[in-house]
Amino acid sequence: MGIVNIDDELHDQIRKASTVTCRSINAQAAFWVKVGMLCETNPTLCFNELVARELRDAGVKAQRIKIASP
């Protein structure tokens, strides 16, 4: 594990985002770093496709939501 220096404004944005996502500040920063790496290494996939692939690879089985037609 190492130390990453970030500017105060980015730290403030990470802190704010972490409260919304119910993550620690470190977990939020790590999530953004991982997503950034995935985006750079898979430029043809959108965020939702990346998250779905990561969840599937981790063995998470999401339930499908059925939406009733009006």
PDB file of N, CA and C in Angstrom:
ATOM      1  N   MET A   1       0.852  -1.162   0.000  1.00  0.00           N
ATOM      2  CA  MET A   1       0.000   0.000   0.000  1.00  0.00           C
ATOM      3  C   MET A   1       0.899   1.226   0.000  1.00  0.00           C
ATOM      4  N   GLY A   2       0.432   2.265  -0.664  1.00  0.00           N
ATOM      5  CA  GLY A   2       1.217   3.485  -0.738  1.00  0.00           C
ATOM      6  C   GLY A   2       0.373   4.694  -0.440  1.00  0.00           C
ATOM      7  N   ILE A   3       0.998   5.824  -0.572  1.00  0.00           N
ATOM      8  CA  ILE A   3       0.318   7.093  -0.352  1.00  0.00           C
ATOM      9  C   ILE A   3       0.196   7.796  -1.689  1.00  0.00           C
ATOM     10  N   VAL A   4      -0.988   8.320  -1.963  1.00  0.00           N
ATOM     11  CA  VAL A   4      -1.230   9.064  -3.189  1.00  0.00           C
ATOM     12  C   VAL A   4      -1.555  10.501  -2.801  1.00  0.00           C
ATOM     13  N   ASN A   5      -0.821  11.431  -3.371  1.00  0.00           N
ATOM     14  CA  ASN A   5      -1.085  12.845  -3.105  1.00  0.00           C
ATOM     15  C   ASN A   5      -2.086  13.370  -4.123  1.00  0.00           C
ATOM     16  N   ILE A   6      -3.165  13.937  -3.633  1.00  0.00           N
ATOM     17  CA  ILE A   6      -4.170  14.555  -4.506  1.00  0.00           C
ATOM     18  C   ILE A   6      -4.436  15.962  -3.987  1.00  0.00           C
ATOM     19  N   ASP A   7      -4.920  16.810  -4.876  1.00  0.00           N
ATOM     20  CA  ASP A   7      -5.167  18.185  -4.440  1.00  0.00           C
ATOM     21  C   ASP A   7      -6.416  18.253  -3.562  1.00  0.00           C
ATOM     22  N   ASP A   8      -6.541  19.344  -2.856  1.00  0.00           N
ATOM     23  CA  ASP A   8      -7.631  19.514  -1.887  1.00  0.00           C
ATOM     24  C   ASP A   8      -9.006  19.462  -2.533  1.00  0.00           C
ATOM     25  N   GLU A   9      -9.144  20.034  -3.735  1.00  0.00           N
ATOM     26  CA  GLU A   9     -10.449  20.049  -4.410  1.00  0.00           C
ATOM     27  C   GLU A   9     -10.892  18.635  -4.760  1.00  0.00           C
ATOM     28  N   LEU A  10      -9.984  17.816  -5.286  1.00  0.00           N
ATOM     29  CA  LEU A  10     -10.337  16.436  -5.611  1.00  0.00           C
ATOM     30  C   LEU A  10     -10.676  15.658  -4.340  1.00  0.00           C
ATOM     31  N   HIS A  11      -9.934  15.883  -3.273  1.00  0.00           N
ATOM     32  CA  HIS A  11     -10.232  15.209  -2.007  1.00  0.00           C
ATOM     33  C   HIS A  11     -11.626  15.591  -1.521  1.00  0.00           C
ATOM     34  N   ASP A  12     -11.984  16.852  -1.672  1.00  0.00           N
ATOM     35  CA  ASP A  12     -13.311  17.314  -1.264  1.00  0.00           C
ATOM     36  C   ASP A  12     -14.397  16.627  -2.091  1.00  0.00           C
ATOM     37  N   GLN A  13     -14.168  16.475  -3.402  1.00  0.00           N
ATOM     38  CA  GLN A  13     -15.143  15.799  -4.260  1.00  0.00           C
ATOM     39  C   GLN A  13     -15.264  14.320  -3.889  1.00  0.00           C
ATOM     40  N   ILE A  14     -14.147  13.682  -3.573  1.00  0.00           N
ATOM     41  CA  ILE A  14     -14.177  12.278  -3.142  1.00  0.00           C
ATOM     42  C   ILE A  14     -14.958  12.152  -1.834  1.00  0.00           C
ATOM     43  N   ARG A  15     -14.716  13.061  -0.906  1.00  0.00           N
ATOM     44  CA  ARG A  15     -15.425  13.026   0.382  1.00  0.00           C
ATOM     45  C   ARG A  15     -16.928  13.166   0.163  1.00  0.00           C
ATOM     46  N   LYS A  16     -17.335  14.109  -0.686  1.00  0.00           N
ATOM     47  CA  LYS A  16     -18.766  14.311  -0.952  1.00  0.00           C
ATOM     48  C   LYS A  16     -19.374  13.074  -1.616  1.00  0.00           C
ATOM     49  N   ALA A  17     -18.682  12.523  -2.605  1.00  0.00           N
ATOM     50  CA  ALA A  17     -19.193  11.336  -3.301  1.00  0.00           C
ATOM     51  C   ALA A  17     -19.288  10.149  -2.357  1.00  0.00           C
ATOM     52  N   SER A  18     -18.337  10.039  -1.436  1.00  0.00           N
ATOM     53  CA  SER A  18     -18.339   8.890  -0.521  1.00  0.00           C
ATOM     54  C   SER A  18     -19.560   8.878   0.388  1.00  0.00           C
ATOM     55  N   THR A  19     -20.095  10.055   0.709  1.00  0.00           N
ATOM     56  CA  THR A  19     -21.292  10.090   1.550  1.00  0.00           C
ATOM     57  C   THR A  19     -22.516   9.611   0.775  1.00  0.00           C
ATOM     58  N   VAL A  20     -22.546   9.894  -0.521  1.00  0.00           N
ATOM     59  CA  VAL A  20     -23.673   9.475  -1.357  1.00  0.00           C
ATOM     60  C   VAL A  20     -23.634   7.969  -1.603  1.00  0.00           C
ATOM     61  N   THR A  21     -22.441   7.428  -1.820  1.00  0.00           N
ATOM     62  CA  THR A  21     -22.296   6.014  -2.177  1.00  0.00           C
ATOM     63  C   THR A  21     -22.096   5.109  -0.964  1.00  0.00           C
ATOM     64  N   CYS A  22     -22.111   5.685   0.234  1.00  0.00           N
ATOM     65  CA  CYS A  22     -21.933   4.932   1.483  1.00  0.00           C
ATOM     66  C   CYS A  22     -20.614   4.155   1.496  1.00  0.00           C
ATOM     67  N   ARG A  23     -19.566   4.811   1.003  1.00  0.00           N
ATOM     68  CA  ARG A  23     -18.221   4.237   1.030  1.00  0.00           C
ATOM     69  C   ARG A  23     -17.344   5.135   1.890  1.00  0.00           C
ATOM     70  N   SER A  24     -16.251   4.570   2.378  1.00  0.00           N
ATOM     71  CA  SER A  24     -15.257   5.410   3.030  1.00  0.00           C
ATOM     72  C   SER A  24     -14.599   6.275   1.956  1.00  0.00           C
ATOM     73  N   ILE A  25     -13.900   7.309   2.377  1.00  0.00           N
ATOM     74  CA  ILE A  25     -13.201   8.161   1.417  1.00  0.00           C
ATOM     75  C   ILE A  25     -12.178   7.328   0.645  1.00  0.00           C
ATOM     76  N   ASN A  26     -11.442   6.468   1.336  1.00  0.00           N
ATOM     77  CA  ASN A  26     -10.458   5.620   0.657  1.00  0.00           C
ATOM     78  C   ASN A  26     -11.123   4.665  -0.323  1.00  0.00           C
ATOM     79  N   ALA A  27     -12.255   4.077   0.062  1.00  0.00           N
ATOM     80  CA  ALA A  27     -12.953   3.142  -0.830  1.00  0.00           C
ATOM     81  C   ALA A  27     -13.488   3.870  -2.060  1.00  0.00           C
ATOM     82  N   GLN A  28     -13.964   5.109  -1.882  1.00  0.00           N
ATOM     83  CA  GLN A  28     -14.461   5.880  -3.021  1.00  0.00           C
ATOM     84  C   GLN A  28     -13.325   6.198  -3.983  1.00  0.00           C
ATOM     85  N   ALA A  29     -12.194   6.620  -3.442  1.00  0.00           N
ATOM     86  CA  ALA A  29     -11.038   6.929  -4.292  1.00  0.00           C
ATOM     87  C   ALA A  29     -10.582   5.670  -5.028  1.00  0.00           C
ATOM     88  N   ALA A  30     -10.530   4.541  -4.338  1.00  0.00           N
ATOM     89  CA  ALA A  30     -10.118   3.283  -4.966  1.00  0.00           C
ATOM     90  C   ALA A  30     -11.088   2.879  -6.066  1.00  0.00           C
ATOM     91  N   PHE A  31     -12.382   3.088  -5.843  1.00  0.00           N
ATOM     92  CA  PHE A  31     -13.386   2.776  -6.849  1.00  0.00           C
ATOM     93  C   PHE A  31     -13.167   3.616  -8.101  1.00  0.00           C
ATOM     94  N   TRP A  32     -12.961   4.918  -7.911  1.00  0.00           N
ATOM     95  CA  TRP A  32     -12.737   5.793  -9.058  1.00  0.00           C
ATOM     96  C   TRP A  32     -11.460   5.425  -9.796  1.00  0.00           C
ATOM     97  N   VAL A  33     -10.420   5.049  -9.079  1.00  0.00           N
ATOM     98  CA  VAL A  33      -9.173   4.628  -9.724  1.00  0.00           C
ATOM     99  C   VAL A  33      -9.414   3.368 -10.545  1.00  0.00           C
ATOM    100  N   LYS A  34     -10.124   2.399  -9.969  1.00  0.00           N
ATOM    101  CA  LYS A  34     -10.386   1.150 -10.690  1.00  0.00           C
ATOM    102  C   LYS A  34     -11.244   1.407 -11.932  1.00  0.00           C
ATOM    103  N   VAL A  35     -12.284   2.209 -11.793  1.00  0.00           N
ATOM    104  CA  VAL A  35     -13.146   2.516 -12.938  1.00  0.00           C
ATOM    105  C   VAL A  35     -12.336   3.230 -14.020  1.00  0.00           C
ATOM    106  N   GLY A  36     -11.484   4.148 -13.632  1.00  0.00           N
ATOM    107  CA  GLY A  36     -10.643   4.847 -14.596  1.00  0.00           C
ATOM    108  C   GLY A  36      -9.734   3.891 -15.344  1.00  0.00           C
ATOM    109  N   MET A  37      -9.142   2.953 -14.621  1.00  0.00           N
ATOM    110  CA  MET A  37      -8.278   1.959 -15.248  1.00  0.00           C
ATOM    111  C   MET A  37      -9.073   1.075 -16.202  1.00  0.00           C
ATOM    112  N   LEU A  38     -10.260   0.649 -15.776  1.00  0.00           N
ATOM    113  CA  LEU A  38     -11.102  -0.175 -16.637  1.00  0.00           C
ATOM    114  C   LEU A  38     -11.520   0.587 -17.890  1.00  0.00           C
ATOM    115  N   CYS A  39     -11.826   1.868 -17.749  1.00  0.00           N
ATOM    116  CA  CYS A  39     -12.212   2.684 -18.906  1.00  0.00           C
ATOM    117  C   CYS A  39     -11.054   2.817 -19.890  1.00  0.00           C
ATOM    118  N   GLU A  40      -9.864   3.019 -19.379  1.00  0.00           N
ATOM    119  CA  GLU A  40      -8.715   3.168 -20.268  1.00  0.00           C
ATOM    120  C   GLU A  40      -8.360   1.864 -20.969  1.00  0.00           C
ATOM    121  N   THR A  41      -8.559   0.737 -20.303  1.00  0.00           N
ATOM    122  CA  THR A  41      -8.195  -0.548 -20.902  1.00  0.00           C
ATOM    123  C   THR A  41      -9.330  -1.179 -21.703  1.00  0.00           C
ATOM    124  N   ASN A  42     -10.530  -0.614 -21.598  1.00  0.00           N
ATOM    125  CA  ASN A  42     -11.701  -1.100 -22.345  1.00  0.00           C
ATOM    126  C   ASN A  42     -12.467   0.089 -22.916  1.00  0.00           C
ATOM    127  N   PRO A  43     -11.860   0.833 -23.844  1.00  0.00           N
ATOM    128  CA  PRO A  43     -12.451   2.091 -24.289  1.00  0.00           C
ATOM    129  C   PRO A  43     -13.774   1.958 -25.045  1.00  0.00           C
ATOM    130  N   THR A  44     -14.126   0.758 -25.473  1.00  0.00           N
ATOM    131  CA  THR A  44     -15.390   0.605 -26.213  1.00  0.00           C
ATOM    132  C   THR A  44     -16.571   0.300 -25.303  1.00  0.00           C
ATOM    133  N   LEU A  45     -16.328   0.070 -24.013  1.00  0.00           N
ATOM    134  CA  LEU A  45     -17.411  -0.258 -23.082  1.00  0.00           C
ATOM    135  C   LEU A  45     -17.828   0.972 -22.290  1.00  0.00           C
ATOM    136  N   CYS A  46     -19.131   1.081 -22.022  1.00  0.00           N
ATOM    137  CA  CYS A  46     -19.622   2.171 -21.178  1.00  0.00           C
ATOM    138  C   CYS A  46     -19.531   1.751 -19.711  1.00  0.00           C
ATOM    139  N   PHE A  47     -19.756   2.690 -18.830  1.00  0.00           N
ATOM    140  CA  PHE A  47     -19.669   2.446 -17.392  1.00  0.00           C
ATOM    141  C   PHE A  47     -20.548   1.273 -16.965  1.00  0.00           C
ATOM    142  N   ASN A  48     -21.803   1.258 -17.408  1.00  0.00           N
ATOM    143  CA  ASN A  48     -22.725   0.194 -16.999  1.00  0.00           C
ATOM    144  C   ASN A  48     -22.250  -1.178 -17.467  1.00  0.00           C
ATOM    145  N   GLU A  49     -21.681  -1.234 -18.667  1.00  0.00           N
ATOM    146  CA  GLU A  49     -21.152  -2.507 -19.171  1.00  0.00           C
ATOM    147  C   GLU A  49     -19.951  -2.964 -18.352  1.00  0.00           C
ATOM    148  N   LEU A  50     -19.097  -2.030 -17.975  1.00  0.00           N
ATOM    149  CA  LEU A  50     -17.942  -2.372 -17.147  1.00  0.00           C
ATOM    150  C   LEU A  50     -18.372  -2.896 -15.784  1.00  0.00           C
ATOM    151  N   VAL A  51     -19.311  -2.205 -15.157  1.00  0.00           N
ATOM    152  CA  VAL A  51     -19.787  -2.638 -13.834  1.00  0.00           C
ATOM    153  C   VAL A  51     -20.475  -3.993 -13.927  1.00  0.00           C
ATOM    154  N   ALA A  52     -21.302  -4.184 -14.942  1.00  0.00           N
ATOM    155  CA  ALA A  52     -21.988  -5.471 -15.114  1.00  0.00           C
ATOM    156  C   ALA A  52     -20.977  -6.600 -15.302  1.00  0.00           C
ATOM    157  N   ARG A  53     -19.939  -6.354 -16.089  1.00  0.00           N
ATOM    158  CA  ARG A  53     -18.917  -7.376 -16.307  1.00  0.00           C
ATOM    159  C   ARG A  53     -18.170  -7.696 -15.019  1.00  0.00           C
ATOM    160  N   GLU A  54     -17.810  -6.672 -14.258  1.00  0.00           N
ATOM    161  CA  GLU A  54     -17.099  -6.887 -12.993  1.00  0.00           C
ATOM    162  C   GLU A  54     -17.967  -7.658 -11.995  1.00  0.00           C
ATOM    163  N   LEU A  55     -19.247  -7.312 -11.914  1.00  0.00           N
ATOM    164  CA  LEU A  55     -20.158  -8.027 -11.020  1.00  0.00           C
ATOM    165  C   LEU A  55     -20.316  -9.484 -11.448  1.00  0.00           C
ATOM    166  N   ARG A  56     -20.474  -9.705 -12.725  1.00  0.00           N
ATOM    167  CA  ARG A  56     -20.604 -11.069 -13.259  1.00  0.00           C
ATOM    168  C   ARG A  56     -19.336 -11.880 -12.968  1.00  0.00           C
ATOM    169  N   ASP A  57     -18.166 -11.268 -13.214  1.00  0.00           N
ATOM    170  CA  ASP A  57     -16.903 -11.956 -12.957  1.00  0.00           C
ATOM    171  C   ASP A  57     -16.709 -12.278 -11.478  1.00  0.00           C
ATOM    172  N   ALA A  58     -17.329 -11.483 -10.611  1.00  0.00           N
ATOM    173  CA  ALA A  58     -17.239 -11.720  -9.165  1.00  0.00           C
ATOM    174  C   ALA A  58     -18.277 -12.730  -8.684  1.00  0.00           C
ATOM    175  N   GLY A  59     -19.141 -13.185  -9.587  1.00  0.00           N
ATOM    176  CA  GLY A  59     -20.148 -14.173  -9.224  1.00  0.00           C
ATOM    177  C   GLY A  59     -21.436 -13.599  -8.688  1.00  0.00           C
ATOM    178  N   VAL A  60     -21.635 -12.309  -8.848  1.00  0.00           N
ATOM    179  CA  VAL A  60     -22.870 -11.668  -8.385  1.00  0.00           C
ATOM    180  C   VAL A  60     -23.965 -11.925  -9.401  1.00  0.00           C
ATOM    181  N   LYS A  61     -25.092 -12.402  -8.916  1.00  0.00           N
ATOM    182  CA  LYS A  61     -26.234 -12.666  -9.784  1.00  0.00           C
ATOM    183  C   LYS A  61     -27.311 -11.636  -9.482  1.00  0.00           C
ATOM    184  N   ALA A  62     -27.501 -10.720 -10.411  1.00  0.00           N
ATOM    185  CA  ALA A  62     -28.477  -9.650 -10.227  1.00  0.00           C
ATOM    186  C   ALA A  62     -29.865 -10.149 -10.609  1.00  0.00           C
ATOM    187  N   GLN A  63     -30.847  -9.685  -9.881  1.00  0.00           N
ATOM    188  CA  GLN A  63     -32.228 -10.009 -10.208  1.00  0.00           C
ATOM    189  C   GLN A  63     -32.711  -9.030 -11.260  1.00  0.00           C
ATOM    190  N   ARG A  64     -33.470  -9.530 -12.206  1.00  0.00           N
ATOM    191  CA  ARG A  64     -34.054  -8.675 -13.241  1.00  0.00           C
ATOM    192  C   ARG A  64     -35.328  -8.065 -12.688  1.00  0.00           C
ATOM    193  N   ILE A  65     -35.526  -6.811 -12.972  1.00  0.00           N
ATOM    194  CA  ILE A  65     -36.737  -6.107 -12.548  1.00  0.00           C
ATOM    195  C   ILE A  65     -37.705  -6.103 -13.727  1.00  0.00           C
ATOM    196  N   LYS A  66     -38.913  -6.567 -13.471  1.00  0.00           N
ATOM    197  CA  LYS A  66     -39.933  -6.561 -14.511  1.00  0.00           C
ATOM    198  C   LYS A  66     -40.740  -5.284 -14.390  1.00  0.00           C
ATOM    199  N   ILE A  67     -40.844  -4.580 -15.492  1.00  0.00           N
ATOM    200  CA  ILE A  67     -41.609  -3.333 -15.520  1.00  0.00           C
ATOM    201  C   ILE A  67     -42.909  -3.610 -16.241  1.00  0.00           C
ATOM    202  N   ALA A  68     -44.004  -3.325 -15.556  1.00  0.00           N
ATOM    203  CA  ALA A  68     -45.321  -3.560 -16.134  1.00  0.00           C
ATOM    204  C   ALA A  68     -45.617  -2.538 -17.217  1.00  0.00           C
ATOM    205  N   SER A  69     -46.235  -2.992 -18.266  1.00  0.00           N
ATOM    206  CA  SER A  69     -46.654  -2.091 -19.347  1.00  0.00           C
ATOM    207  C   SER A  69     -47.903  -1.340 -18.911  1.00  0.00           C
ATOM    208  N   PRO A  70     -48.030  -0.084 -19.330  1.00  0.00           N
ATOM    209  CA  PRO A  70     -49.239   0.698 -18.940  1.00  0.00           C
ATOM    210  C   PRO A  70     -50.468   0.238 -19.645  1.00  0.00           C
TER     211      PRO A  70
END
